[in-house]
PDB file of N, CA and C in Angstrom:
ATOM      1  N   MET A   1      11.197 -76.016  -7.995  1.00  0.00           N
ATOM      2  CA  MET A   1       9.803 -75.633  -7.922  1.00  0.00           C
ATOM      3  C   MET A   1       9.377 -75.225  -9.339  1.00  0.00           C
ATOM      4  N   ASP A   2       8.243 -75.737  -9.740  1.00  0.00           N
ATOM      5  CA  ASP A   2       7.787 -75.387 -11.084  1.00  0.00           C
ATOM      6  C   ASP A   2       7.062 -74.039 -11.088  1.00  0.00           C
ATOM      7  N   ILE A   3       6.791 -73.556 -12.258  1.00  0.00           N
ATOM      8  CA  ILE A   3       6.209 -72.217 -12.425  1.00  0.00           C
ATOM      9  C   ILE A   3       4.804 -72.144 -11.836  1.00  0.00           C
ATOM     10  N   ALA A   4       4.004 -73.190 -11.977  1.00  0.00           N
ATOM     11  CA  ALA A   4       2.640 -73.174 -11.441  1.00  0.00           C
ATOM     12  C   ALA A   4       2.658 -73.062  -9.918  1.00  0.00           C
ATOM     13  N   ALA A   5       3.517 -73.831  -9.272  1.00  0.00           N
ATOM     14  CA  ALA A   5       3.613 -73.772  -7.807  1.00  0.00           C
ATOM     15  C   ALA A   5       4.120 -72.411  -7.356  1.00  0.00           C
ATOM     16  N   LEU A   6       5.078 -71.863  -8.068  1.00  0.00           N
ATOM     17  CA  LEU A   6       5.604 -70.547  -7.735  1.00  0.00           C
ATOM     18  C   LEU A   6       4.527 -69.476  -7.890  1.00  0.00           C
ATOM     19  N   SER A   7       3.750 -69.592  -8.942  1.00  0.00           N
ATOM     20  CA  SER A   7       2.671 -68.641  -9.178  1.00  0.00           C
ATOM     21  C   SER A   7       1.627 -68.708  -8.070  1.00  0.00           C
ATOM     22  N   MET A   8       1.271 -69.920  -7.643  1.00  0.00           N
ATOM     23  CA  MET A   8       0.298 -70.075  -6.561  1.00  0.00           C
ATOM     24  C   MET A   8       0.839 -69.522  -5.253  1.00  0.00           C
ATOM     25  N   ALA A   9       2.094 -69.776  -4.967  1.00  0.00           N
ATOM     26  CA  ALA A   9       2.705 -69.276  -3.738  1.00  0.00           C
ATOM     27  C   ALA A   9       2.724 -67.751  -3.726  1.00  0.00           C
ATOM     28  N   MET A  10       3.068 -67.144  -4.855  1.00  0.00           N
ATOM     29  CA  MET A  10       3.097 -65.682  -4.938  1.00  0.00           C
ATOM     30  C   MET A  10       1.693 -65.101  -4.806  1.00  0.00           C
ATOM     31  N   SER A  11       0.723 -65.765  -5.388  1.00  0.00           N
ATOM     32  CA  SER A  11      -0.659 -65.308  -5.297  1.00  0.00           C
ATOM     33  C   SER A  11      -1.158 -65.366  -3.849  1.00  0.00           C
ATOM     34  N   GLN A  12      -0.849 -66.454  -3.165  1.00  0.00           N
ATOM     35  CA  GLN A  12      -1.260 -66.589  -1.766  1.00  0.00           C
ATOM     36  C   GLN A  12      -0.583 -65.531  -0.892  1.00  0.00           C
ATOM     37  N   ALA A  13       0.661 -65.268  -1.159  1.00  0.00           N
ATOM     38  CA  ALA A  13       1.369 -64.238  -0.395  1.00  0.00           C
ATOM     39  C   ALA A  13       0.747 -62.870  -0.639  1.00  0.00           C
ATOM     40  N   SER A  14       0.361 -62.614  -1.875  1.00  0.00           N
ATOM     41  CA  SER A  14      -0.271 -61.337  -2.201  1.00  0.00           C
ATOM     42  C   SER A  14      -1.616 -61.189  -1.490  1.00  0.00           C
ATOM     43  N   VAL A  15      -2.394 -62.259  -1.462  1.00  0.00           N
ATOM     44  CA  VAL A  15      -3.691 -62.222  -0.785  1.00  0.00           C
ATOM     45  C   VAL A  15      -3.500 -61.991   0.712  1.00  0.00           C
ATOM     46  N   ARG A  16      -2.520 -62.664   1.304  1.00  0.00           N
ATOM     47  CA  ARG A  16      -2.238 -62.469   2.733  1.00  0.00           C
ATOM     48  C   ARG A  16      -1.834 -61.025   3.025  1.00  0.00           C
ATOM     49  N   THR A  17      -1.004 -60.479   2.162  1.00  0.00           N
ATOM     50  CA  THR A  17      -0.561 -59.096   2.354  1.00  0.00           C
ATOM     51  C   THR A  17      -1.742 -58.136   2.262  1.00  0.00           C
ATOM     52  N   GLU A  18      -2.607 -58.331   1.276  1.00  0.00           N
ATOM     53  CA  GLU A  18      -3.779 -57.470   1.125  1.00  0.00           C
ATOM     54  C   GLU A  18      -4.706 -57.593   2.330  1.00  0.00           C
ATOM     55  N   ALA A  19      -4.884 -58.804   2.837  1.00  0.00           N
ATOM     56  CA  ALA A  19      -5.734 -59.008   4.010  1.00  0.00           C
ATOM     57  C   ALA A  19      -5.129 -58.315   5.227  1.00  0.00           C
ATOM     58  N   ASN A  20      -3.833 -58.437   5.409  1.00  0.00           N
ATOM     59  CA  ASN A  20      -3.176 -57.780   6.545  1.00  0.00           C
ATOM     60  C   ASN A  20      -3.290 -56.264   6.465  1.00  0.00           C
ATOM     61  N   VAL A  21      -3.130 -55.724   5.277  1.00  0.00           N
ATOM     62  CA  VAL A  21      -3.245 -54.271   5.103  1.00  0.00           C
ATOM     63  C   VAL A  21      -4.673 -53.821   5.393  1.00  0.00           C
ATOM     64  N   SER A  22      -5.646 -54.580   4.932  1.00  0.00           N
ATOM     65  CA  SER A  22      -7.045 -54.240   5.178  1.00  0.00           C
ATOM     66  C   SER A  22      -7.371 -54.255   6.669  1.00  0.00           C
ATOM     67  N   ILE A  23      -6.892 -55.270   7.364  1.00  0.00           N
ATOM     68  CA  ILE A  23      -7.121 -55.360   8.807  1.00  0.00           C
ATOM     69  C   ILE A  23      -6.436 -54.207   9.523  1.00  0.00           C
ATOM     70  N   MET A  24      -5.235 -53.866   9.097  1.00  0.00           N
ATOM     71  CA  MET A  24      -4.512 -52.762   9.725  1.00  0.00           C
ATOM     72  C   MET A  24      -5.245 -51.442   9.520  1.00  0.00           C
ATOM     73  N   LYS A  25      -5.792 -51.217   8.328  1.00  0.00           N
ATOM     74  CA  LYS A  25      -6.548 -49.988   8.072  1.00  0.00           C
ATOM     75  C   LYS A  25      -7.766 -49.904   8.978  1.00  0.00           C
ATOM     76  N   LYS A  26      -8.466 -51.025   9.136  1.00  0.00           N
ATOM     77  CA  LYS A  26      -9.637 -51.032  10.015  1.00  0.00           C
ATOM     78  C   LYS A  26      -9.237 -50.774  11.454  1.00  0.00           C
ATOM     79  N   THR A  27      -8.113 -51.329  11.877  1.00  0.00           N
ATOM     80  CA  THR A  27      -7.624 -51.118  13.236  1.00  0.00           C
ATOM     81  C   THR A  27      -7.268 -49.652  13.462  1.00  0.00           C
ATOM     82  N   ILE A  28      -6.620 -49.042  12.492  1.00  0.00           N
ATOM     83  CA  ILE A  28      -6.256 -47.626  12.602  1.00  0.00           C
ATOM     84  C   ILE A  28      -7.505 -46.757  12.653  1.00  0.00           C
ATOM     85  N   ASP A  29      -8.488 -47.055  11.809  1.00  0.00           N
ATOM     86  CA  ASP A  29      -9.741 -46.295  11.819  1.00  0.00           C
ATOM     87  C   ASP A  29     -10.438 -46.407  13.172  1.00  0.00           C
ATOM     88  N   GLN A  30     -10.457 -47.611  13.730  1.00  0.00           N
ATOM     89  CA  GLN A  30     -11.097 -47.815  15.030  1.00  0.00           C
ATOM     90  C   GLN A  30     -10.347 -47.065  16.122  1.00  0.00           C
ATOM     91  N   ALA A  31      -9.031 -47.069  16.066  1.00  0.00           N
ATOM     92  CA  ALA A  31      -8.231 -46.345  17.061  1.00  0.00           C
ATOM     93  C   ALA A  31      -8.484 -44.840  16.962  1.00  0.00           C
ATOM     94  N   GLU A  32      -8.593 -44.326  15.750  1.00  0.00           N
ATOM     95  CA  GLU A  32      -8.884 -42.902  15.581  1.00  0.00           C
ATOM     96  C   GLU A  32     -10.261 -42.563  16.143  1.00  0.00           C
ATOM     97  N   THR A  33     -11.234 -43.417  15.881  1.00  0.00           N
ATOM     98  CA  THR A  33     -12.584 -43.197  16.401  1.00  0.00           C
ATOM     99  C   THR A  33     -12.575 -43.214  17.924  1.00  0.00           C
ATOM    100  N   ASN A  34     -11.882 -44.190  18.496  1.00  0.00           N
ATOM    101  CA  ASN A  34     -11.797 -44.264  19.955  1.00  0.00           C
ATOM    102  C   ASN A  34     -11.118 -43.029  20.529  1.00  0.00           C
ATOM    103  N   GLY A  35     -10.083 -42.559  19.875  1.00  0.00           N
ATOM    104  CA  GLY A  35      -9.397 -41.360  20.328  1.00  0.00           C
ATOM    105  C   GLY A  35     -10.294 -40.134  20.292  1.00  0.00           C
ATOM    106  N   GLN A  36     -11.083 -40.014  19.241  1.00  0.00           N
ATOM    107  CA  GLN A  36     -12.017 -38.892  19.145  1.00  0.00           C
ATOM    108  C   GLN A  36     -13.066 -38.954  20.240  1.00  0.00           C
ATOM    109  N   GLU A  37     -13.537 -40.151  20.558  1.00  0.00           N
ATOM    110  CA  GLU A  37     -14.528 -40.313  21.622  1.00  0.00           C
ATOM    111  C   GLU A  37     -13.934 -39.952  22.980  1.00  0.00           C
ATOM    112  N   VAL A  38     -12.690 -40.317  23.211  1.00  0.00           N
ATOM    113  CA  VAL A  38     -12.025 -39.973  24.468  1.00  0.00           C
ATOM    114  C   VAL A  38     -11.882 -38.460  24.578  1.00  0.00           C
ATOM    115  N   VAL A  39     -11.520 -37.815  23.499  1.00  0.00           N
ATOM    116  CA  VAL A  39     -11.398 -36.351  23.514  1.00  0.00           C
ATOM    117  C   VAL A  39     -12.745 -35.712  23.832  1.00  0.00           C
ATOM    118  N   LYS A  40     -13.817 -36.217  23.224  1.00  0.00           N
ATOM    119  CA  LYS A  40     -15.155 -35.675  23.504  1.00  0.00           C
ATOM    120  C   LYS A  40     -15.520 -35.851  24.976  1.00  0.00           C
ATOM    121  N   MET A  41     -15.228 -37.028  25.528  1.00  0.00           N
ATOM    122  CA  MET A  41     -15.537 -37.262  26.939  1.00  0.00           C
ATOM    123  C   MET A  41     -14.748 -36.333  27.836  1.00  0.00           C
ATOM    124  N   LEU A  42     -13.469 -36.123  27.510  1.00  0.00           N
ATOM    125  CA  LEU A  42     -12.646 -35.231  28.325  1.00  0.00           C
ATOM    126  C   LEU A  42     -13.138 -33.791  28.235  1.00  0.00           C
ATOM    127  N   GLU A  43     -13.557 -33.371  27.052  1.00  0.00           N
ATOM    128  CA  GLU A  43     -14.073 -32.008  26.895  1.00  0.00           C
ATOM    129  C   GLU A  43     -15.342 -31.814  27.704  1.00  0.00           C
ATOM    130  N   GLN A  44     -16.183 -32.829  27.766  1.00  0.00           N
ATOM    131  CA  GLN A  44     -17.431 -32.716  28.511  1.00  0.00           C
ATOM    132  C   GLN A  44     -17.206 -32.771  30.019  1.00  0.00           C
ATOM    133  N   SER A  45     -16.118 -33.394  30.437  1.00  0.00           N
ATOM    134  CA  SER A  45     -15.882 -33.550  31.866  1.00  0.00           C
ATOM    135  C   SER A  45     -15.211 -32.334  32.492  1.00  0.00           C
ATOM    136  N   VAL A  46     -14.756 -31.407  31.682  1.00  0.00           N
ATOM    137  CA  VAL A  46     -14.070 -30.236  32.221  1.00  0.00           C
ATOM    138  C   VAL A  46     -15.107 -29.223  32.689  1.00  0.00           C
ATOM    139  N   ARG A  47     -15.155 -29.061  33.990  1.00  0.00           N
ATOM    140  CA  ARG A  47     -16.045 -28.071  34.606  1.00  0.00           C
ATOM    141  C   ARG A  47     -15.251 -27.408  35.727  1.00  0.00           C
ATOM    142  N   PRO A  48     -14.635 -26.275  35.445  1.00  0.00           N
ATOM    143  CA  PRO A  48     -13.710 -25.677  36.411  1.00  0.00           C
ATOM    144  C   PRO A  48     -14.365 -25.248  37.723  1.00  0.00           C
ATOM    145  N   HIS A  49     -15.668 -24.990  37.731  1.00  0.00           N
ATOM    146  CA  HIS A  49     -16.307 -24.522  38.952  1.00  0.00           C
ATOM    147  C   HIS A  49     -16.582 -25.666  39.931  1.00  0.00           C
ATOM    148  N   ILE A  50     -16.577 -26.893  39.470  1.00  0.00           N
ATOM    149  CA  ILE A  50     -16.836 -28.024  40.358  1.00  0.00           C
ATOM    150  C   ILE A  50     -15.589 -28.311  41.182  1.00  0.00           C
ATOM    151  N   GLY A  51     -15.777 -28.441  42.468  1.00  0.00           N
ATOM    152  CA  GLY A  51     -14.676 -28.754  43.362  1.00  0.00           C
ATOM    153  C   GLY A  51     -13.918 -27.550  43.870  1.00  0.00           C
ATOM    154  N   SER A  52     -14.348 -26.359  43.487  1.00  0.00           N
ATOM    155  CA  SER A  52     -13.628 -25.175  43.951  1.00  0.00           C
ATOM    156  C   SER A  52     -14.070 -24.772  45.359  1.00  0.00           C
ATOM    157  N   ARG A  53     -15.221 -25.265  45.786  1.00  0.00           N
ATOM    158  CA  ARG A  53     -15.721 -24.970  47.142  1.00  0.00           C
ATOM    159  C   ARG A  53     -16.090 -26.265  47.829  1.00  0.00           C
ATOM    160  N   ILE A  54     -15.715 -26.321  49.091  1.00  0.00           N
ATOM    161  CA  ILE A  54     -16.044 -27.506  49.880  1.00  0.00           C
ATOM    162  C   ILE A  54     -16.824 -27.057  51.103  1.00  0.00           C
ATOM    163  N   ASP A  55     -17.968 -27.657  51.330  1.00  0.00           N
ATOM    164  CA  ASP A  55     -18.789 -27.353  52.494  1.00  0.00           C
ATOM    165  C   ASP A  55     -18.320 -28.239  53.639  1.00  0.00           C
ATOM    166  N   ILE A  56     -17.651 -27.641  54.618  1.00  0.00           N
ATOM    167  CA  ILE A  56     -17.116 -28.437  55.735  1.00  0.00           C
ATOM    168  C   ILE A  56     -18.081 -28.459  56.917  1.00  0.00           C
ATOM    169  N   ARG A  57     -19.161 -27.730  56.845  1.00  0.00           N
ATOM    170  CA  ARG A  57     -20.146 -27.742  57.934  1.00  0.00           C
ATOM    171  C   ARG A  57     -21.243 -28.741  57.575  1.00  0.00           C
ATOM    172  N   ALA A  58     -21.412 -29.689  58.424  1.00  0.00           N
ATOM    173  CA  ALA A  58     -22.443 -30.685  58.155  1.00  0.00           C
ATOM    174  C   ALA A  58     -23.309 -30.900  59.362  1.00  0.00           C
TER     175      ALA A  58
END
């Protein structure tokens, strides 16, 4: 393999690696955002007084 072909192959590998890292960072950021939203929903859904009394007379 000549030097030009080797240089192109290394450059392409570097670009692929950078693209993969960028996609992974975006995926991690999205997962963190989703996790924060789930925590907010769970905090809002906690109401200890709901369900403590049941009206059995109808």
